[in-house]
Amino acid sequence: QVQLVESGGGSVQAGGSLGLSCTASGYTYSRKCVGWFRQAPGKEREGVAVILTDDNSPYYADSVKGRFTISQDNAKNTVYLQMNSLKPEDTGMYYCAARPRALCGRMRDSEFVYWGQGTQVTVSS
């Protein structure tokens, strides 16, 4: 069975940093679009950052460009999200997700077929 397991969430003050990890198993990791979505209470799930596992091409939501960095390690089947200069509006449940490679950058959650259970990120003022 396909599994995506997240780790690294926690609570930080505004301006701080957190690093998230997502490890995939149960399917072929190569040639996939893998990355992160988030959801705050009362809001819709939104894309944060995704990456193509074969060529490392990253895509970011405008709200996190320059602050977050996505990377991946094919040998470990793992995707990372380094979050710097965190803001209170970054608070939410962060989910790892994956889909086939095509149209990765548009980050439409309905097109991602594999999901982790999420890890909470809380940023206080």
N, C-alpha and C. Protein backbone atom coordinates (compact mmCIF):
# COMPACT_ATOMS: atom_id res chain seq x y z
N GLN A 1 0.85 -1.19 0.00
CA GLN A 1 0.00 0.00 0.00
C GLN A 1 0.89 1.24 0.00
N VAL A 2 0.44 2.27 -0.69
CA VAL A 2 1.18 3.52 -0.74
C VAL A 2 1.04 4.24 0.60
N GLN A 3 2.16 4.70 1.11
CA GLN A 3 2.16 5.47 2.34
C GLN A 3 3.06 6.69 2.20
N LEU A 4 2.59 7.81 2.72
CA LEU A 4 3.38 9.02 2.85
C LEU A 4 3.36 9.40 4.33
N VAL A 5 4.52 9.51 4.92
CA VAL A 5 4.62 9.77 6.35
C VAL A 5 5.39 11.06 6.57
N GLU A 6 4.73 12.02 7.24
CA GLU A 6 5.33 13.32 7.51
C GLU A 6 5.92 13.35 8.92
N SER A 7 6.89 14.23 9.08
CA SER A 7 7.45 14.49 10.39
C SER A 7 8.04 15.90 10.40
N GLY A 8 8.25 16.43 11.59
CA GLY A 8 8.93 17.71 11.73
C GLY A 8 8.08 18.88 12.13
N GLY A 9 6.79 18.71 12.27
CA GLY A 9 5.94 19.81 12.69
C GLY A 9 6.20 20.21 14.12
N GLY A 10 5.69 21.38 14.48
CA GLY A 10 5.86 21.88 15.83
C GLY A 10 5.39 23.30 15.95
N SER A 11 5.76 23.94 17.05
CA SER A 11 5.37 25.31 17.34
C SER A 11 6.60 26.20 17.41
N VAL A 12 6.52 27.35 16.74
CA VAL A 12 7.61 28.31 16.74
C VAL A 12 7.04 29.72 16.80
N GLN A 13 7.88 30.66 17.16
CA GLN A 13 7.50 32.06 17.11
C GLN A 13 7.72 32.62 15.71
N ALA A 14 6.99 33.66 15.40
CA ALA A 14 7.16 34.32 14.11
C ALA A 14 8.62 34.66 13.86
N GLY A 15 9.06 34.40 12.64
CA GLY A 15 10.45 34.61 12.28
C GLY A 15 11.32 33.38 12.44
N GLY A 16 10.80 32.36 13.07
CA GLY A 16 11.55 31.14 13.29
C GLY A 16 11.50 30.20 12.10
N SER A 17 12.07 29.02 12.29
CA SER A 17 12.20 28.04 11.21
C SER A 17 11.77 26.66 11.67
N LEU A 18 11.30 25.88 10.72
CA LEU A 18 11.00 24.47 10.91
C LEU A 18 11.35 23.72 9.64
N GLY A 19 11.70 22.45 9.79
CA GLY A 19 11.94 21.59 8.66
C GLY A 19 11.03 20.38 8.70
N LEU A 20 10.36 20.11 7.58
CA LEU A 20 9.46 18.98 7.48
C LEU A 20 10.06 17.92 6.56
N SER A 21 9.72 16.67 6.82
CA SER A 21 10.15 15.57 5.99
C SER A 21 8.95 14.70 5.63
N CYS A 22 8.99 14.13 4.44
CA CYS A 22 7.96 13.21 3.98
C CYS A 22 8.65 12.03 3.32
N THR A 23 8.42 10.85 3.83
CA THR A 23 9.00 9.64 3.28
C THR A 23 7.91 8.79 2.64
N ALA A 24 8.16 8.38 1.41
CA ALA A 24 7.18 7.62 0.64
C ALA A 24 7.58 6.15 0.57
N SER A 25 6.56 5.30 0.55
CA SER A 25 6.78 3.87 0.36
C SER A 25 5.58 3.27 -0.34
N GLY A 26 5.76 2.10 -0.92
CA GLY A 26 4.65 1.39 -1.53
C GLY A 26 4.41 1.68 -3.00
N TYR A 27 5.18 2.58 -3.59
CA TYR A 27 5.07 2.86 -5.01
C TYR A 27 6.41 3.37 -5.53
N THR A 28 6.52 3.45 -6.83
CA THR A 28 7.77 3.93 -7.43
C THR A 28 7.89 5.42 -7.23
N TYR A 29 8.92 5.83 -6.53
CA TYR A 29 9.10 7.23 -6.18
C TYR A 29 9.55 8.08 -7.36
N SER A 30 10.32 7.52 -8.24
CA SER A 30 10.86 8.28 -9.36
C SER A 30 9.76 8.76 -10.30
N ARG A 31 10.03 9.88 -10.99
CA ARG A 31 9.13 10.48 -11.97
C ARG A 31 7.76 10.81 -11.38
N LYS A 32 7.78 11.38 -10.21
CA LYS A 32 6.56 11.78 -9.52
C LYS A 32 6.62 13.26 -9.17
N CYS A 33 5.45 13.79 -8.90
CA CYS A 33 5.30 15.12 -8.34
C CYS A 33 4.94 14.95 -6.87
N VAL A 34 5.79 15.41 -5.99
CA VAL A 34 5.59 15.22 -4.55
C VAL A 34 5.79 16.55 -3.85
N GLY A 35 5.00 16.80 -2.83
CA GLY A 35 5.20 18.04 -2.10
C GLY A 35 4.20 18.24 -0.98
N TRP A 36 3.89 19.51 -0.73
CA TRP A 36 3.20 19.90 0.49
C TRP A 36 1.99 20.77 0.23
N PHE A 37 0.92 20.46 0.93
CA PHE A 37 -0.26 21.29 1.02
C PHE A 37 -0.47 21.64 2.49
N ARG A 38 -1.28 22.65 2.74
CA ARG A 38 -1.61 23.00 4.11
C ARG A 38 -3.06 23.43 4.21
N GLN A 39 -3.59 23.32 5.42
CA GLN A 39 -4.96 23.69 5.66
C GLN A 39 -5.09 24.30 7.05
N ALA A 40 -5.59 25.51 7.09
CA ALA A 40 -5.87 26.18 8.35
C ALA A 40 -7.34 25.97 8.71
N PRO A 41 -7.69 26.07 9.98
CA PRO A 41 -9.09 25.88 10.38
C PRO A 41 -10.03 26.81 9.63
N GLY A 42 -11.09 26.24 9.07
CA GLY A 42 -12.07 27.03 8.35
C GLY A 42 -11.67 27.44 6.95
N LYS A 43 -10.52 27.00 6.48
CA LYS A 43 -10.05 27.37 5.15
C LYS A 43 -9.85 26.13 4.28
N GLU A 44 -9.80 26.36 2.99
CA GLU A 44 -9.56 25.27 2.06
C GLU A 44 -8.09 24.87 2.05
N ARG A 45 -7.85 23.65 1.70
CA ARG A 45 -6.49 23.18 1.55
C ARG A 45 -5.82 23.89 0.37
N GLU A 46 -4.58 24.31 0.55
CA GLU A 46 -3.87 25.02 -0.49
C GLU A 46 -2.48 24.43 -0.71
N GLY A 47 -2.01 24.52 -1.93
CA GLY A 47 -0.68 24.07 -2.24
C GLY A 47 0.37 24.99 -1.66
N VAL A 48 1.46 24.42 -1.21
CA VAL A 48 2.57 25.17 -0.64
C VAL A 48 3.80 25.08 -1.55
N ALA A 49 4.25 23.87 -1.80
CA ALA A 49 5.41 23.65 -2.65
C ALA A 49 5.42 22.20 -3.11
N VAL A 50 5.82 21.99 -4.35
CA VAL A 50 5.95 20.65 -4.90
C VAL A 50 7.24 20.55 -5.69
N ILE A 51 7.64 19.32 -5.96
CA ILE A 51 8.89 19.10 -6.67
C ILE A 51 8.77 17.86 -7.54
N LEU A 52 9.43 17.89 -8.69
CA LEU A 52 9.53 16.73 -9.56
C LEU A 52 10.71 15.89 -9.11
N THR A 53 10.46 14.63 -8.84
CA THR A 53 11.50 13.79 -8.26
C THR A 53 12.59 13.40 -9.24
N ASP A 54 12.34 13.54 -10.54
CA ASP A 54 13.35 13.14 -11.51
C ASP A 54 14.33 14.25 -11.85
N ASP A 55 13.90 15.51 -11.84
CA ASP A 55 14.81 16.59 -12.20
C ASP A 55 14.90 17.71 -11.17
N ASN A 56 14.24 17.55 -10.04
CA ASN A 56 14.30 18.50 -8.92
C ASN A 56 13.69 19.86 -9.22
N SER A 57 12.84 19.94 -10.22
CA SER A 57 12.18 21.21 -10.52
C SER A 57 11.18 21.56 -9.42
N PRO A 58 11.37 22.71 -8.75
CA PRO A 58 10.45 23.09 -7.67
C PRO A 58 9.39 24.08 -8.13
N TYR A 59 8.28 24.08 -7.43
CA TYR A 59 7.20 25.04 -7.65
C TYR A 59 6.71 25.50 -6.28
N TYR A 60 6.48 26.81 -6.15
CA TYR A 60 6.10 27.38 -4.87
C TYR A 60 4.86 28.25 -5.00
N ALA A 61 4.06 28.23 -3.96
CA ALA A 61 3.01 29.22 -3.85
C ALA A 61 3.64 30.59 -3.67
N ASP A 62 3.00 31.61 -4.23
CA ASP A 62 3.56 32.96 -4.13
C ASP A 62 3.78 33.39 -2.68
N SER A 63 2.94 32.93 -1.79
CA SER A 63 3.01 33.36 -0.40
C SER A 63 4.24 32.85 0.34
N VAL A 64 4.92 31.84 -0.21
CA VAL A 64 6.07 31.27 0.48
C VAL A 64 7.37 31.42 -0.29
N LYS A 65 7.33 31.97 -1.48
CA LYS A 65 8.54 32.15 -2.27
C LYS A 65 9.55 33.01 -1.52
N GLY A 66 10.78 32.55 -1.53
CA GLY A 66 11.84 33.26 -0.83
C GLY A 66 11.98 32.89 0.62
N ARG A 67 11.01 32.18 1.17
CA ARG A 67 11.05 31.77 2.57
C ARG A 67 11.15 30.26 2.75
N PHE A 68 10.49 29.52 1.89
CA PHE A 68 10.47 28.06 1.97
C PHE A 68 11.32 27.47 0.85
N THR A 69 11.93 26.33 1.14
CA THR A 69 12.71 25.61 0.15
C THR A 69 12.33 24.14 0.17
N ILE A 70 11.95 23.61 -0.99
CA ILE A 70 11.64 22.20 -1.11
C ILE A 70 12.81 21.48 -1.77
N SER A 71 13.09 20.29 -1.31
CA SER A 71 14.15 19.48 -1.88
C SER A 71 13.78 18.01 -1.73
N GLN A 72 14.52 17.13 -2.36
CA GLN A 72 14.21 15.72 -2.27
C GLN A 72 15.46 14.87 -2.42
N ASP A 73 15.36 13.65 -1.93
CA ASP A 73 16.46 12.69 -1.97
C ASP A 73 15.91 11.40 -2.54
N ASN A 74 16.26 11.10 -3.78
CA ASN A 74 15.74 9.90 -4.42
C ASN A 74 16.15 8.61 -3.70
N ALA A 75 17.36 8.58 -3.18
CA ALA A 75 17.84 7.39 -2.51
C ALA A 75 17.03 7.07 -1.26
N LYS A 76 16.48 8.10 -0.63
CA LYS A 76 15.71 7.92 0.60
C LYS A 76 14.21 8.00 0.39
N ASN A 77 13.77 8.24 -0.85
CA ASN A 77 12.34 8.44 -1.13
C ASN A 77 11.74 9.50 -0.22
N THR A 78 12.46 10.58 -0.03
CA THR A 78 12.07 11.58 0.94
C THR A 78 12.07 12.97 0.33
N VAL A 79 11.05 13.75 0.67
CA VAL A 79 10.94 15.14 0.29
C VAL A 79 11.00 15.99 1.54
N TYR A 80 11.70 17.11 1.44
CA TYR A 80 11.89 18.00 2.58
C TYR A 80 11.29 19.37 2.28
N LEU A 81 10.87 20.03 3.33
CA LEU A 81 10.43 21.41 3.23
C LEU A 81 11.08 22.20 4.36
N GLN A 82 12.00 23.06 3.99
CA GLN A 82 12.63 23.95 4.96
C GLN A 82 11.86 25.26 4.96
N MET A 83 11.34 25.63 6.12
CA MET A 83 10.50 26.81 6.25
C MET A 83 11.22 27.83 7.13
N ASN A 84 11.57 28.95 6.55
CA ASN A 84 12.23 30.03 7.26
C ASN A 84 11.33 31.26 7.31
N SER A 85 11.67 32.17 8.19
CA SER A 85 10.91 33.42 8.34
C SER A 85 9.42 33.16 8.45
N LEU A 86 9.06 32.23 9.30
CA LEU A 86 7.67 31.83 9.43
C LEU A 86 6.79 32.95 9.95
N LYS A 87 5.57 32.98 9.44
CA LYS A 87 4.58 33.98 9.81
C LYS A 87 3.38 33.29 10.43
N PRO A 88 2.60 34.00 11.25
CA PRO A 88 1.40 33.38 11.83
C PRO A 88 0.46 32.80 10.78
N GLU A 89 0.38 33.42 9.62
CA GLU A 89 -0.49 32.91 8.57
C GLU A 89 0.00 31.61 7.95
N ASP A 90 1.20 31.17 8.29
CA ASP A 90 1.68 29.87 7.87
C ASP A 90 1.14 28.74 8.73
N THR A 91 0.46 29.06 9.80
CA THR A 91 -0.09 28.06 10.70
C THR A 91 -1.09 27.17 9.99
N GLY A 92 -1.01 25.88 10.24
CA GLY A 92 -1.96 24.95 9.66
C GLY A 92 -1.46 23.52 9.74
N MET A 93 -2.29 22.62 9.27
CA MET A 93 -1.89 21.24 9.13
C MET A 93 -1.22 21.08 7.78
N TYR A 94 -0.02 20.57 7.78
CA TYR A 94 0.74 20.39 6.55
C TYR A 94 0.69 18.93 6.12
N TYR A 95 0.30 18.72 4.88
CA TYR A 95 0.14 17.38 4.34
C TYR A 95 1.12 17.14 3.20
N CYS A 96 1.73 16.00 3.22
CA CYS A 96 2.51 15.54 2.09
C CYS A 96 1.59 14.87 1.09
N ALA A 97 1.82 15.11 -0.19
CA ALA A 97 0.96 14.54 -1.23
C ALA A 97 1.78 14.23 -2.47
N ALA A 98 1.26 13.32 -3.29
CA ALA A 98 1.96 12.91 -4.50
C ALA A 98 0.98 12.62 -5.63
N ARG A 99 1.47 12.78 -6.84
CA ARG A 99 0.70 12.50 -8.05
C ARG A 99 1.67 12.17 -9.17
N PRO A 100 1.17 11.67 -10.31
CA PRO A 100 2.05 11.53 -11.47
C PRO A 100 2.64 12.86 -11.88
N ARG A 101 3.67 12.82 -12.67
CA ARG A 101 4.50 13.98 -12.95
C ARG A 101 3.78 15.12 -13.65
N ALA A 102 2.86 14.84 -14.54
CA ALA A 102 2.26 15.86 -15.39
C ALA A 102 1.60 16.98 -14.61
N LEU A 103 1.83 18.21 -15.06
CA LEU A 103 1.19 19.42 -14.53
C LEU A 103 1.41 19.59 -13.03
N CYS A 104 2.57 19.24 -12.58
CA CYS A 104 2.90 19.32 -11.16
C CYS A 104 2.72 20.73 -10.60
N GLY A 105 3.17 21.73 -11.33
CA GLY A 105 3.27 23.08 -10.80
C GLY A 105 1.96 23.78 -10.50
N ARG A 106 0.85 23.30 -11.00
CA ARG A 106 -0.39 24.01 -10.72
C ARG A 106 -0.98 23.66 -9.36
N MET A 107 -0.47 22.66 -8.71
CA MET A 107 -0.78 22.32 -7.32
C MET A 107 -2.27 22.29 -7.00
N ARG A 108 -3.00 21.57 -7.79
CA ARG A 108 -4.42 21.38 -7.53
C ARG A 108 -4.61 20.14 -6.67
N ASP A 109 -5.13 20.34 -5.48
CA ASP A 109 -5.19 19.23 -4.53
C ASP A 109 -6.05 18.08 -5.01
N SER A 110 -7.06 18.37 -5.83
CA SER A 110 -7.93 17.31 -6.34
C SER A 110 -7.21 16.36 -7.27
N GLU A 111 -6.06 16.76 -7.78
CA GLU A 111 -5.30 15.94 -8.70
C GLU A 111 -4.23 15.10 -8.01
N PHE A 112 -4.05 15.28 -6.73
CA PHE A 112 -3.09 14.48 -5.97
C PHE A 112 -3.80 13.29 -5.37
N VAL A 113 -3.28 12.12 -5.61
CA VAL A 113 -3.98 10.88 -5.27
C VAL A 113 -3.45 10.19 -4.02
N TYR A 114 -2.26 10.56 -3.56
CA TYR A 114 -1.68 9.98 -2.36
C TYR A 114 -1.46 11.07 -1.33
N TRP A 115 -1.85 10.79 -0.10
CA TRP A 115 -1.79 11.79 0.96
C TRP A 115 -1.29 11.19 2.27
N GLY A 116 -0.48 11.96 2.97
CA GLY A 116 -0.13 11.62 4.33
C GLY A 116 -1.19 12.11 5.30
N GLN A 117 -1.00 11.81 6.57
CA GLN A 117 -1.98 12.18 7.58
C GLN A 117 -1.77 13.58 8.14
N GLY A 118 -0.67 14.20 7.83
CA GLY A 118 -0.44 15.58 8.20
C GLY A 118 0.40 15.75 9.45
N THR A 119 1.01 16.93 9.54
CA THR A 119 1.76 17.32 10.72
C THR A 119 1.46 18.79 11.00
N GLN A 120 1.22 19.11 12.24
CA GLN A 120 0.77 20.45 12.61
C GLN A 120 1.94 21.42 12.70
N VAL A 121 1.75 22.59 12.12
CA VAL A 121 2.69 23.70 12.23
C VAL A 121 1.96 24.88 12.83
N THR A 122 2.47 25.40 13.93
CA THR A 122 1.86 26.54 14.60
C THR A 122 2.90 27.64 14.75
N VAL A 123 2.56 28.83 14.27
CA VAL A 123 3.45 29.98 14.35
C VAL A 123 2.76 31.06 15.17
N SER A 124 3.35 31.44 16.27
CA SER A 124 2.76 32.42 17.16
C SER A 124 3.38 33.80 16.93
N SER A 125 2.62 34.82 17.27
CA SER A 125 3.09 36.20 17.12
C SER A 125 4.10 36.56 18.18
